[in-house]
Amino acid sequence: SREKKIVLVDCDGVLADFCQACFDLIQE
């Protein structure tokens, strides 16, 4: 038995804006 449910969250594209870092590199 567990008190809390486990929620798995991805990072890039969900929390972190990986695309923008790549856009910045392209612009550079």
mmCIF file of all heavy atoms, coordinates in Angstrom:
data_MODEL
# 
_entry.id   MODEL 
# 
loop_
_atom_site.group_PDB 
_atom_site.id 
_atom_site.type_symbol 
_atom_site.label_atom_id 
_atom_site.label_alt_id 
_atom_site.label_comp_id 
_atom_site.label_asym_id 
_atom_site.label_entity_id 
_atom_site.label_seq_id 
_atom_site.pdbx_PDB_ins_code 
_atom_site.Cartn_x 
_atom_site.Cartn_y 
_atom_site.Cartn_z 
_atom_site.occupancy 
_atom_site.B_iso_or_equiv 
_atom_site.pdbx_formal_charge 
_atom_site.auth_seq_id 
_atom_site.auth_comp_id 
_atom_site.auth_asym_id 
_atom_site.auth_atom_id 
_atom_site.pdbx_PDB_model_num 
ATOM 1   N N   . SER A 1 1  ? 0.854  -1.193 0.000   1.00 0.00 ? 1  SER A N   1 
ATOM 2   C CA  . SER A 1 1  ? 0.000  0.000  0.000   1.00 0.00 ? 1  SER A CA  1 
ATOM 3   C C   . SER A 1 1  ? 0.886  1.238  0.000   1.00 0.00 ? 1  SER A C   1 
ATOM 4   O O   . SER A 1 1  ? 1.954  1.262  0.608   1.00 0.00 ? 1  SER A O   1 
ATOM 5   C CB  . SER A 1 1  ? -0.921 0.001  1.216   1.00 0.00 ? 1  SER A CB  1 
ATOM 6   O OG  . SER A 1 1  ? -0.182 0.190  2.386   1.00 0.00 ? 1  SER A OG  1 
ATOM 7   N N   . ARG A 1 2  ? 0.437  2.216  -0.717  1.00 0.00 ? 2  ARG A N   1 
ATOM 8   C CA  . ARG A 1 2  ? 1.165  3.473  -0.793  1.00 0.00 ? 2  ARG A CA  1 
ATOM 9   C C   . ARG A 1 2  ? 0.218  4.597  -0.428  1.00 0.00 ? 2  ARG A C   1 
ATOM 10  O O   . ARG A 1 2  ? -0.945 4.583  -0.797  1.00 0.00 ? 2  ARG A O   1 
ATOM 11  C CB  . ARG A 1 2  ? 1.679  3.718  -2.211  1.00 0.00 ? 2  ARG A CB  1 
ATOM 12  C CG  . ARG A 1 2  ? 2.750  2.774  -2.630  1.00 0.00 ? 2  ARG A CG  1 
ATOM 13  C CD  . ARG A 1 2  ? 3.262  3.109  -4.016  1.00 0.00 ? 2  ARG A CD  1 
ATOM 14  N NE  . ARG A 1 2  ? 2.355  2.542  -5.019  1.00 0.00 ? 2  ARG A NE  1 
ATOM 15  C CZ  . ARG A 1 2  ? 1.766  3.237  -5.975  1.00 0.00 ? 2  ARG A CZ  1 
ATOM 16  N NH1 . ARG A 1 2  ? 1.952  4.499  -6.102  1.00 0.00 ? 2  ARG A NH1 1 
ATOM 17  N NH2 . ARG A 1 2  ? 0.984  2.635  -6.838  1.00 0.00 ? 2  ARG A NH2 1 
ATOM 18  N N   . GLU A 1 3  ? 0.740  5.556  0.278   1.00 0.00 ? 3  GLU A N   1 
ATOM 19  C CA  . GLU A 1 3  ? -0.071 6.694  0.675   1.00 0.00 ? 3  GLU A CA  1 
ATOM 20  C C   . GLU A 1 3  ? -0.363 7.602  -0.516  1.00 0.00 ? 3  GLU A C   1 
ATOM 21  O O   . GLU A 1 3  ? -1.472 8.077  -0.691  1.00 0.00 ? 3  GLU A O   1 
ATOM 22  C CB  . GLU A 1 3  ? 0.653  7.482  1.767   1.00 0.00 ? 3  GLU A CB  1 
ATOM 23  C CG  . GLU A 1 3  ? -0.228 8.506  2.434   1.00 0.00 ? 3  GLU A CG  1 
ATOM 24  C CD  . GLU A 1 3  ? 0.471  9.141  3.617   1.00 0.00 ? 3  GLU A CD  1 
ATOM 25  O OE1 . GLU A 1 3  ? 0.974  8.412  4.477   1.00 0.00 ? 3  GLU A OE1 1 
ATOM 26  O OE2 . GLU A 1 3  ? 0.500  10.379 3.640   1.00 0.00 ? 3  GLU A OE2 1 
ATOM 27  N N   . LYS A 1 4  ? 0.649  7.837  -1.337  1.00 0.00 ? 4  LYS A N   1 
ATOM 28  C CA  . LYS A 1 4  ? 0.505  8.753  -2.464  1.00 0.00 ? 4  LYS A CA  1 
ATOM 29  C C   . LYS A 1 4  ? 0.744  8.038  -3.791  1.00 0.00 ? 4  LYS A C   1 
ATOM 30  O O   . LYS A 1 4  ? 1.590  7.153  -3.880  1.00 0.00 ? 4  LYS A O   1 
ATOM 31  C CB  . LYS A 1 4  ? 1.512  9.903  -2.360  1.00 0.00 ? 4  LYS A CB  1 
ATOM 32  C CG  . LYS A 1 4  ? 1.257  10.854 -1.225  1.00 0.00 ? 4  LYS A CG  1 
ATOM 33  C CD  . LYS A 1 4  ? 2.280  11.978 -1.289  1.00 0.00 ? 4  LYS A CD  1 
ATOM 34  C CE  . LYS A 1 4  ? 1.987  13.060 -0.282  1.00 0.00 ? 4  LYS A CE  1 
ATOM 35  N NZ  . LYS A 1 4  ? 2.936  14.184 -0.404  1.00 0.00 ? 4  LYS A NZ  1 
ATOM 36  N N   . LYS A 1 5  ? 0.026  8.444  -4.798  1.00 0.00 ? 5  LYS A N   1 
ATOM 37  C CA  . LYS A 1 5  ? 0.256  7.944  -6.149  1.00 0.00 ? 5  LYS A CA  1 
ATOM 38  C C   . LYS A 1 5  ? 1.560  8.553  -6.670  1.00 0.00 ? 5  LYS A C   1 
ATOM 39  O O   . LYS A 1 5  ? 1.941  9.650  -6.292  1.00 0.00 ? 5  LYS A O   1 
ATOM 40  C CB  . LYS A 1 5  ? -0.898 8.327  -7.058  1.00 0.00 ? 5  LYS A CB  1 
ATOM 41  C CG  . LYS A 1 5  ? -2.217 7.714  -6.629  1.00 0.00 ? 5  LYS A CG  1 
ATOM 42  C CD  . LYS A 1 5  ? -2.863 7.027  -7.778  1.00 0.00 ? 5  LYS A CD  1 
ATOM 43  C CE  . LYS A 1 5  ? -4.190 6.452  -7.346  1.00 0.00 ? 5  LYS A CE  1 
ATOM 44  N NZ  . LYS A 1 5  ? -4.159 5.026  -7.257  1.00 0.00 ? 5  LYS A NZ  1 
ATOM 45  N N   . ILE A 1 6  ? 2.218  7.828  -7.565  1.00 0.00 ? 6  ILE A N   1 
ATOM 46  C CA  . ILE A 1 6  ? 3.477  8.277  -8.146  1.00 0.00 ? 6  ILE A CA  1 
ATOM 47  C C   . ILE A 1 6  ? 3.206  8.897  -9.507  1.00 0.00 ? 6  ILE A C   1 
ATOM 48  O O   . ILE A 1 6  ? 2.643  8.253  -10.396 1.00 0.00 ? 6  ILE A O   1 
ATOM 49  C CB  . ILE A 1 6  ? 4.463  7.103  -8.290  1.00 0.00 ? 6  ILE A CB  1 
ATOM 50  C CG1 . ILE A 1 6  ? 4.764  6.486  -6.919  1.00 0.00 ? 6  ILE A CG1 1 
ATOM 51  C CG2 . ILE A 1 6  ? 5.744  7.556  -8.988  1.00 0.00 ? 6  ILE A CG2 1 
ATOM 52  C CD1 . ILE A 1 6  ? 5.516  5.171  -6.994  1.00 0.00 ? 6  ILE A CD1 1 
ATOM 53  N N   . VAL A 1 7  ? 3.625  10.154 -9.673  1.00 0.00 ? 7  VAL A N   1 
ATOM 54  C CA  . VAL A 1 7  ? 3.491  10.861 -10.940 1.00 0.00 ? 7  VAL A CA  1 
ATOM 55  C C   . VAL A 1 7  ? 4.882  11.083 -11.511 1.00 0.00 ? 7  VAL A C   1 
ATOM 56  O O   . VAL A 1 7  ? 5.727  11.730 -10.889 1.00 0.00 ? 7  VAL A O   1 
ATOM 57  C CB  . VAL A 1 7  ? 2.757  12.213 -10.770 1.00 0.00 ? 7  VAL A CB  1 
ATOM 58  C CG1 . VAL A 1 7  ? 2.711  12.978 -12.091 1.00 0.00 ? 7  VAL A CG1 1 
ATOM 59  C CG2 . VAL A 1 7  ? 1.349  11.992 -10.235 1.00 0.00 ? 7  VAL A CG2 1 
ATOM 60  N N   . LEU A 1 8  ? 5.117  10.506 -12.688 1.00 0.00 ? 8  LEU A N   1 
ATOM 61  C CA  . LEU A 1 8  ? 6.391  10.651 -13.393 1.00 0.00 ? 8  LEU A CA  1 
ATOM 62  C C   . LEU A 1 8  ? 6.254  11.793 -14.395 1.00 0.00 ? 8  LEU A C   1 
ATOM 63  O O   . LEU A 1 8  ? 5.305  11.822 -15.180 1.00 0.00 ? 8  LEU A O   1 
ATOM 64  C CB  . LEU A 1 8  ? 6.735  9.366  -14.139 1.00 0.00 ? 8  LEU A CB  1 
ATOM 65  C CG  . LEU A 1 8  ? 6.673  8.061  -13.341 1.00 0.00 ? 8  LEU A CG  1 
ATOM 66  C CD1 . LEU A 1 8  ? 6.892  6.865  -14.268 1.00 0.00 ? 8  LEU A CD1 1 
ATOM 67  C CD2 . LEU A 1 8  ? 7.676  8.069  -12.216 1.00 0.00 ? 8  LEU A CD2 1 
ATOM 68  N N   . VAL A 1 9  ? 7.196  12.720 -14.365 1.00 0.00 ? 9  VAL A N   1 
ATOM 69  C CA  . VAL A 1 9  ? 7.139  13.877 -15.257 1.00 0.00 ? 9  VAL A CA  1 
ATOM 70  C C   . VAL A 1 9  ? 8.433  13.966 -16.053 1.00 0.00 ? 9  VAL A C   1 
ATOM 71  O O   . VAL A 1 9  ? 9.527  13.971 -15.482 1.00 0.00 ? 9  VAL A O   1 
ATOM 72  C CB  . VAL A 1 9  ? 6.926  15.185 -14.460 1.00 0.00 ? 9  VAL A CB  1 
ATOM 73  C CG1 . VAL A 1 9  ? 6.844  16.382 -15.394 1.00 0.00 ? 9  VAL A CG1 1 
ATOM 74  C CG2 . VAL A 1 9  ? 5.680  15.110 -13.609 1.00 0.00 ? 9  VAL A CG2 1 
ATOM 75  N N   . ASP A 1 10 ? 8.291  14.033 -17.367 1.00 0.00 ? 10 ASP A N   1 
ATOM 76  C CA  . ASP A 1 10 ? 9.427  14.225 -18.255 1.00 0.00 ? 10 ASP A CA  1 
ATOM 77  C C   . ASP A 1 10 ? 9.976  15.635 -18.058 1.00 0.00 ? 10 ASP A C   1 
ATOM 78  O O   . ASP A 1 10 ? 9.294  16.511 -17.527 1.00 0.00 ? 10 ASP A O   1 
ATOM 79  C CB  . ASP A 1 10 ? 8.962  14.023 -19.709 1.00 0.00 ? 10 ASP A CB  1 
ATOM 80  C CG  . ASP A 1 10 ? 10.058 14.245 -20.719 1.00 0.00 ? 10 ASP A CG  1 
ATOM 81  O OD1 . ASP A 1 10 ? 11.222 13.883 -20.448 1.00 0.00 ? 10 ASP A OD1 1 
ATOM 82  O OD2 . ASP A 1 10 ? 9.747  14.785 -21.801 1.00 0.00 ? 10 ASP A OD2 1 
ATOM 83  N N   . CYS A 1 11 ? 11.176 15.872 -18.508 1.00 0.00 ? 11 CYS A N   1 
ATOM 84  C CA  . CYS A 1 11 ? 11.785 17.193 -18.337 1.00 0.00 ? 11 CYS A CA  1 
ATOM 85  C C   . CYS A 1 11 ? 11.709 18.019 -19.625 1.00 0.00 ? 11 CYS A C   1 
ATOM 86  O O   . CYS A 1 11 ? 10.952 18.983 -19.701 1.00 0.00 ? 11 CYS A O   1 
ATOM 87  C CB  . CYS A 1 11 ? 13.229 17.036 -17.863 1.00 0.00 ? 11 CYS A CB  1 
ATOM 88  S SG  . CYS A 1 11 ? 13.917 18.567 -17.250 1.00 0.00 ? 11 CYS A SG  1 
ATOM 89  N N   . ASP A 1 12 ? 12.491 17.659 -20.643 1.00 0.00 ? 12 ASP A N   1 
ATOM 90  C CA  . ASP A 1 12 ? 12.525 18.457 -21.873 1.00 0.00 ? 12 ASP A CA  1 
ATOM 91  C C   . ASP A 1 12 ? 11.194 18.382 -22.609 1.00 0.00 ? 12 ASP A C   1 
ATOM 92  O O   . ASP A 1 12 ? 10.677 17.300 -22.874 1.00 0.00 ? 12 ASP A O   1 
ATOM 93  C CB  . ASP A 1 12 ? 13.657 17.972 -22.786 1.00 0.00 ? 12 ASP A CB  1 
ATOM 94  C CG  . ASP A 1 12 ? 15.015 18.193 -22.155 1.00 0.00 ? 12 ASP A CG  1 
ATOM 95  O OD1 . ASP A 1 12 ? 15.220 19.271 -21.579 1.00 0.00 ? 12 ASP A OD1 1 
ATOM 96  O OD2 . ASP A 1 12 ? 15.858 17.280 -22.233 1.00 0.00 ? 12 ASP A OD2 1 
ATOM 97  N N   . GLY A 1 13 ? 10.642 19.540 -22.902 1.00 0.00 ? 13 GLY A N   1 
ATOM 98  C CA  . GLY A 1 13 ? 9.359  19.605 -23.597 1.00 0.00 ? 13 GLY A CA  1 
ATOM 99  C C   . GLY A 1 13 ? 8.172  19.664 -22.660 1.00 0.00 ? 13 GLY A C   1 
ATOM 100 O O   . GLY A 1 13 ? 7.068  19.963 -23.085 1.00 0.00 ? 13 GLY A O   1 
ATOM 101 N N   . VAL A 1 14 ? 8.378  19.365 -21.386 1.00 0.00 ? 14 VAL A N   1 
ATOM 102 C CA  . VAL A 1 14 ? 7.313  19.436 -20.384 1.00 0.00 ? 14 VAL A CA  1 
ATOM 103 C C   . VAL A 1 14 ? 7.665  20.484 -19.329 1.00 0.00 ? 14 VAL A C   1 
ATOM 104 O O   . VAL A 1 14 ? 6.879  21.379 -19.041 1.00 0.00 ? 14 VAL A O   1 
ATOM 105 C CB  . VAL A 1 14 ? 7.043  18.063 -19.729 1.00 0.00 ? 14 VAL A CB  1 
ATOM 106 C CG1 . VAL A 1 14 ? 5.985  18.170 -18.648 1.00 0.00 ? 14 VAL A CG1 1 
ATOM 107 C CG2 . VAL A 1 14 ? 6.632  17.030 -20.784 1.00 0.00 ? 14 VAL A CG2 1 
ATOM 108 N N   . LEU A 1 15 ? 8.849  20.371 -18.763 1.00 0.00 ? 15 LEU A N   1 
ATOM 109 C CA  . LEU A 1 15 ? 9.313  21.333 -17.754 1.00 0.00 ? 15 LEU A CA  1 
ATOM 110 C C   . LEU A 1 15 ? 10.312 22.327 -18.347 1.00 0.00 ? 15 LEU A C   1 
ATOM 111 O O   . LEU A 1 15 ? 10.242 23.517 -18.086 1.00 0.00 ? 15 LEU A O   1 
ATOM 112 C CB  . LEU A 1 15 ? 9.985  20.602 -16.584 1.00 0.00 ? 15 LEU A CB  1 
ATOM 113 C CG  . LEU A 1 15 ? 9.174  19.536 -15.859 1.00 0.00 ? 15 LEU A CG  1 
ATOM 114 C CD1 . LEU A 1 15 ? 10.010 18.884 -14.773 1.00 0.00 ? 15 LEU A CD1 1 
ATOM 115 C CD2 . LEU A 1 15 ? 7.903  20.125 -15.290 1.00 0.00 ? 15 LEU A CD2 1 
ATOM 116 N N   . ALA A 1 16 ? 11.254 21.808 -19.117 1.00 0.00 ? 16 ALA A N   1 
ATOM 117 C CA  . ALA A 1 16 ? 12.345 22.616 -19.670 1.00 0.00 ? 16 ALA A CA  1 
ATOM 118 C C   . ALA A 1 16 ? 12.109 22.894 -21.154 1.00 0.00 ? 16 ALA A C   1 
ATOM 119 O O   . ALA A 1 16 ? 11.760 21.994 -21.911 1.00 0.00 ? 16 ALA A O   1 
ATOM 120 C CB  . ALA A 1 16 ? 13.673 21.885 -19.495 1.00 0.00 ? 16 ALA A CB  1 
ATOM 121 N N   . ASP A 1 17 ? 12.329 24.131 -21.545 1.00 0.00 ? 17 ASP A N   1 
ATOM 122 C CA  . ASP A 1 17 ? 12.156 24.531 -22.942 1.00 0.00 ? 17 ASP A CA  1 
ATOM 123 C C   . ASP A 1 17 ? 13.438 24.253 -23.722 1.00 0.00 ? 17 ASP A C   1 
ATOM 124 O O   . ASP A 1 17 ? 14.225 25.154 -24.021 1.00 0.00 ? 17 ASP A O   1 
ATOM 125 C CB  . ASP A 1 17 ? 11.764 26.005 -23.017 1.00 0.00 ? 17 ASP A CB  1 
ATOM 126 C CG  . ASP A 1 17 ? 11.252 26.398 -24.384 1.00 0.00 ? 17 ASP A CG  1 
ATOM 127 O OD1 . ASP A 1 17 ? 11.459 25.625 -25.349 1.00 0.00 ? 17 ASP A OD1 1 
ATOM 128 O OD2 . ASP A 1 17 ? 10.641 27.480 -24.494 1.00 0.00 ? 17 ASP A OD2 1 
ATOM 129 N N   . PHE A 1 18 ? 13.636 22.987 -24.024 1.00 0.00 ? 18 PHE A N   1 
ATOM 130 C CA  . PHE A 1 18 ? 14.794 22.537 -24.791 1.00 0.00 ? 18 PHE A CA  1 
ATOM 131 C C   . PHE A 1 18 ? 14.820 23.198 -26.168 1.00 0.00 ? 18 PHE A C   1 
ATOM 132 O O   . PHE A 1 18 ? 15.876 23.595 -26.660 1.00 0.00 ? 18 PHE A O   1 
ATOM 133 C CB  . PHE A 1 18 ? 14.760 21.010 -24.926 1.00 0.00 ? 18 PHE A CB  1 
ATOM 134 C CG  . PHE A 1 18 ? 15.906 20.417 -25.678 1.00 0.00 ? 18 PHE A CG  1 
ATOM 135 C CD1 . PHE A 1 18 ? 17.107 20.155 -25.038 1.00 0.00 ? 18 PHE A CD1 1 
ATOM 136 C CD2 . PHE A 1 18 ? 15.793 20.114 -27.017 1.00 0.00 ? 18 PHE A CD2 1 
ATOM 137 C CE1 . PHE A 1 18 ? 18.180 19.594 -25.719 1.00 0.00 ? 18 PHE A CE1 1 
ATOM 138 C CE2 . PHE A 1 18 ? 16.852 19.552 -27.716 1.00 0.00 ? 18 PHE A CE2 1 
ATOM 139 C CZ  . PHE A 1 18 ? 18.054 19.297 -27.070 1.00 0.00 ? 18 PHE A CZ  1 
ATOM 140 N N   . CYS A 1 19 ? 13.643 23.333 -26.785 1.00 0.00 ? 19 CYS A N   1 
ATOM 141 C CA  . CYS A 1 19 ? 13.569 23.929 -28.121 1.00 0.00 ? 19 CYS A CA  1 
ATOM 142 C C   . CYS A 1 19 ? 14.133 25.345 -28.132 1.00 0.00 ? 19 CYS A C   1 
ATOM 143 O O   . CYS A 1 19 ? 14.888 25.704 -29.035 1.00 0.00 ? 19 CYS A O   1 
ATOM 144 C CB  . CYS A 1 19 ? 12.126 23.936 -28.639 1.00 0.00 ? 19 CYS A CB  1 
ATOM 145 S SG  . CYS A 1 19 ? 11.497 22.316 -29.087 1.00 0.00 ? 19 CYS A SG  1 
ATOM 146 N N   . GLN A 1 20 ? 13.779 26.158 -27.136 1.00 0.00 ? 20 GLN A N   1 
ATOM 147 C CA  . GLN A 1 20 ? 14.252 27.535 -27.115 1.00 0.00 ? 20 GLN A CA  1 
ATOM 148 C C   . GLN A 1 20 ? 15.767 27.595 -27.008 1.00 0.00 ? 20 GLN A C   1 
ATOM 149 O O   . GLN A 1 20 ? 16.406 28.431 -27.643 1.00 0.00 ? 20 GLN A O   1 
ATOM 150 C CB  . GLN A 1 20 ? 13.610 28.327 -25.972 1.00 0.00 ? 20 GLN A CB  1 
ATOM 151 C CG  . GLN A 1 20 ? 13.933 29.806 -26.018 1.00 0.00 ? 20 GLN A CG  1 
ATOM 152 C CD  . GLN A 1 20 ? 13.456 30.479 -27.304 1.00 0.00 ? 20 GLN A CD  1 
ATOM 153 O OE1 . GLN A 1 20 ? 12.286 30.389 -27.659 1.00 0.00 ? 20 GLN A OE1 1 
ATOM 154 N NE2 . GLN A 1 20 ? 14.360 31.135 -28.017 1.00 0.00 ? 20 GLN A NE2 1 
ATOM 155 N N   . ALA A 1 21 ? 16.361 26.707 -26.222 1.00 0.00 ? 21 ALA A N   1 
ATOM 156 C CA  . ALA A 1 21 ? 17.822 26.667 -26.132 1.00 0.00 ? 21 ALA A CA  1 
ATOM 157 C C   . ALA A 1 21 ? 18.430 26.346 -27.498 1.00 0.00 ? 21 ALA A C   1 
ATOM 158 O O   . ALA A 1 21 ? 19.449 26.926 -27.885 1.00 0.00 ? 21 ALA A O   1 
ATOM 159 C CB  . ALA A 1 21 ? 18.257 25.641 -25.089 1.00 0.00 ? 21 ALA A CB  1 
ATOM 160 N N   . CYS A 1 22 ? 17.776 25.463 -28.240 1.00 0.00 ? 22 CYS A N   1 
ATOM 161 C CA  . CYS A 1 22 ? 18.244 25.131 -29.590 1.00 0.00 ? 22 CYS A CA  1 
ATOM 162 C C   . CYS A 1 22 ? 18.019 26.300 -30.544 1.00 0.00 ? 22 CYS A C   1 
ATOM 163 O O   . CYS A 1 22 ? 18.875 26.592 -31.389 1.00 0.00 ? 22 CYS A O   1 
ATOM 164 C CB  . CYS A 1 22 ? 17.553 23.873 -30.106 1.00 0.00 ? 22 CYS A CB  1 
ATOM 165 S SG  . CYS A 1 22 ? 18.023 22.388 -29.198 1.00 0.00 ? 22 CYS A SG  1 
ATOM 166 N N   . PHE A 1 23 ? 16.876 26.981 -30.414 1.00 0.00 ? 23 PHE A N   1 
ATOM 167 C CA  . PHE A 1 23 ? 16.622 28.167 -31.244 1.00 0.00 ? 23 PHE A CA  1 
ATOM 168 C C   . PHE A 1 23 ? 17.707 29.221 -31.013 1.00 0.00 ? 23 PHE A C   1 
ATOM 169 O O   . PHE A 1 23 ? 18.174 29.861 -31.952 1.00 0.00 ? 23 PHE A O   1 
ATOM 170 C CB  . PHE A 1 23 ? 15.267 28.799 -30.928 1.00 0.00 ? 23 PHE A CB  1 
ATOM 171 C CG  . PHE A 1 23 ? 14.072 27.939 -31.222 1.00 0.00 ? 23 PHE A CG  1 
ATOM 172 C CD1 . PHE A 1 23 ? 12.886 28.157 -30.540 1.00 0.00 ? 23 PHE A CD1 1 
ATOM 173 C CD2 . PHE A 1 23 ? 14.105 26.924 -32.161 1.00 0.00 ? 23 PHE A CD2 1 
ATOM 174 C CE1 . PHE A 1 23 ? 11.765 27.390 -30.785 1.00 0.00 ? 23 PHE A CE1 1 
ATOM 175 C CE2 . PHE A 1 23 ? 12.990 26.144 -32.414 1.00 0.00 ? 23 PHE A CE2 1 
ATOM 176 C CZ  . PHE A 1 23 ? 11.813 26.374 -31.723 1.00 0.00 ? 23 PHE A CZ  1 
ATOM 177 N N   . ASP A 1 24 ? 18.069 29.411 -29.748 1.00 0.00 ? 24 ASP A N   1 
ATOM 178 C CA  . ASP A 1 24 ? 19.114 30.388 -29.413 1.00 0.00 ? 24 ASP A CA  1 
ATOM 179 C C   . ASP A 1 24 ? 20.440 30.005 -30.052 1.00 0.00 ? 24 ASP A C   1 
ATOM 180 O O   . ASP A 1 24 ? 21.157 30.867 -30.579 1.00 0.00 ? 24 ASP A O   1 
ATOM 181 C CB  . ASP A 1 24 ? 19.270 30.507 -27.894 1.00 0.00 ? 24 ASP A CB  1 
ATOM 182 C CG  . ASP A 1 24 ? 18.049 31.118 -27.212 1.00 0.00 ? 24 ASP A CG  1 
ATOM 183 O OD1 . ASP A 1 24 ? 17.190 31.706 -27.900 1.00 0.00 ? 24 ASP A OD1 1 
ATOM 184 O OD2 . ASP A 1 24 ? 17.951 30.982 -25.974 1.00 0.00 ? 24 ASP A OD2 1 
ATOM 185 N N   . LEU A 1 25 ? 20.762 28.711 -30.048 1.00 0.00 ? 25 LEU A N   1 
ATOM 186 C CA  . LEU A 1 25 ? 21.985 28.235 -30.668 1.00 0.00 ? 25 LEU A CA  1 
ATOM 187 C C   . LEU A 1 25 ? 21.953 28.463 -32.180 1.00 0.00 ? 25 LEU A C   1 
ATOM 188 O O   . LEU A 1 25 ? 22.928 28.923 -32.769 1.00 0.00 ? 25 LEU A O   1 
ATOM 189 C CB  . LEU A 1 25 ? 22.179 26.746 -30.359 1.00 0.00 ? 25 LEU A CB  1 
ATOM 190 C CG  . LEU A 1 25 ? 23.448 26.144 -30.942 1.00 0.00 ? 25 LEU A CG  1 
ATOM 191 C CD1 . LEU A 1 25 ? 24.447 25.869 -29.839 1.00 0.00 ? 25 LEU A CD1 1 
ATOM 192 C CD2 . LEU A 1 25 ? 23.126 24.857 -31.671 1.00 0.00 ? 25 LEU A CD2 1 
ATOM 193 N N   . ILE A 1 26 ? 20.808 28.187 -32.802 1.00 0.00 ? 26 ILE A N   1 
ATOM 194 C CA  . ILE A 1 26 ? 20.651 28.400 -34.244 1.00 0.00 ? 26 ILE A CA  1 
ATOM 195 C C   . ILE A 1 26 ? 20.825 29.873 -34.579 1.00 0.00 ? 26 ILE A C   1 
ATOM 196 O O   . ILE A 1 26 ? 21.533 30.231 -35.529 1.00 0.00 ? 26 ILE A O   1 
ATOM 197 C CB  . ILE A 1 26 ? 19.274 27.881 -34.729 1.00 0.00 ? 26 ILE A CB  1 
ATOM 198 C CG1 . ILE A 1 26 ? 19.248 26.351 -34.672 1.00 0.00 ? 26 ILE A CG1 1 
ATOM 199 C CG2 . ILE A 1 26 ? 18.967 28.387 -36.139 1.00 0.00 ? 26 ILE A CG2 1 
ATOM 200 C CD1 . ILE A 1 26 ? 17.862 25.738 -34.872 1.00 0.00 ? 26 ILE A CD1 1 
ATOM 201 N N   . GLN A 1 27 ? 20.198 30.728 -33.799 1.00 0.00 ? 27 GLN A N   1 
ATOM 202 C CA  . GLN A 1 27 ? 20.309 32.164 -34.046 1.00 0.00 ? 27 GLN A CA  1 
ATOM 203 C C   . GLN A 1 27 ? 21.759 32.632 -33.900 1.00 0.00 ? 27 GLN A C   1 
ATOM 204 O O   . GLN A 1 27 ? 22.244 33.439 -34.690 1.00 0.00 ? 27 GLN A O   1 
ATOM 205 C CB  . GLN A 1 27 ? 19.398 32.946 -33.113 1.00 0.00 ? 27 GLN A CB  1 
ATOM 206 C CG  . GLN A 1 27 ? 19.374 34.434 -33.423 1.00 0.00 ? 27 GLN A CG  1 
ATOM 207 C CD  . GLN A 1 27 ? 18.374 35.200 -32.582 1.00 0.00 ? 27 GLN A CD  1 
ATOM 208 O OE1 . GLN A 1 27 ? 17.748 34.649 -31.672 1.00 0.00 ? 27 GLN A OE1 1 
ATOM 209 N NE2 . GLN A 1 27 ? 18.214 36.468 -32.887 1.00 0.00 ? 27 GLN A NE2 1 
ATOM 210 N N   . GLU A 1 28 ? 22.438 32.113 -32.909 1.00 0.00 ? 28 GLU A N   1 
ATOM 211 C CA  . GLU A 1 28 ? 23.845 32.465 -32.688 1.00 0.00 ? 28 GLU A CA  1 
ATOM 212 C C   . GLU A 1 28 ? 24.714 32.106 -33.896 1.00 0.00 ? 28 GLU A C   1 
ATOM 213 O O   . GLU A 1 28 ? 25.619 32.850 -34.268 1.00 0.00 ? 28 GLU A O   1 
ATOM 214 C CB  . GLU A 1 28 ? 24.338 31.733 -31.441 1.00 0.00 ? 28 GLU A CB  1 
ATOM 215 C CG  . GLU A 1 28 ? 25.792 31.922 -31.104 1.00 0.00 ? 28 GLU A CG  1 
ATOM 216 C CD  . GLU A 1 28 ? 26.219 31.044 -29.927 1.00 0.00 ? 28 GLU A CD  1 
ATOM 217 O OE1 . GLU A 1 28 ? 25.411 30.858 -28.990 1.00 0.00 ? 28 GLU A OE1 1 
ATOM 218 O OE2 . GLU A 1 28 ? 27.359 30.540 -29.960 1.00 0.00 ? 28 GLU A OE2 1 
# 
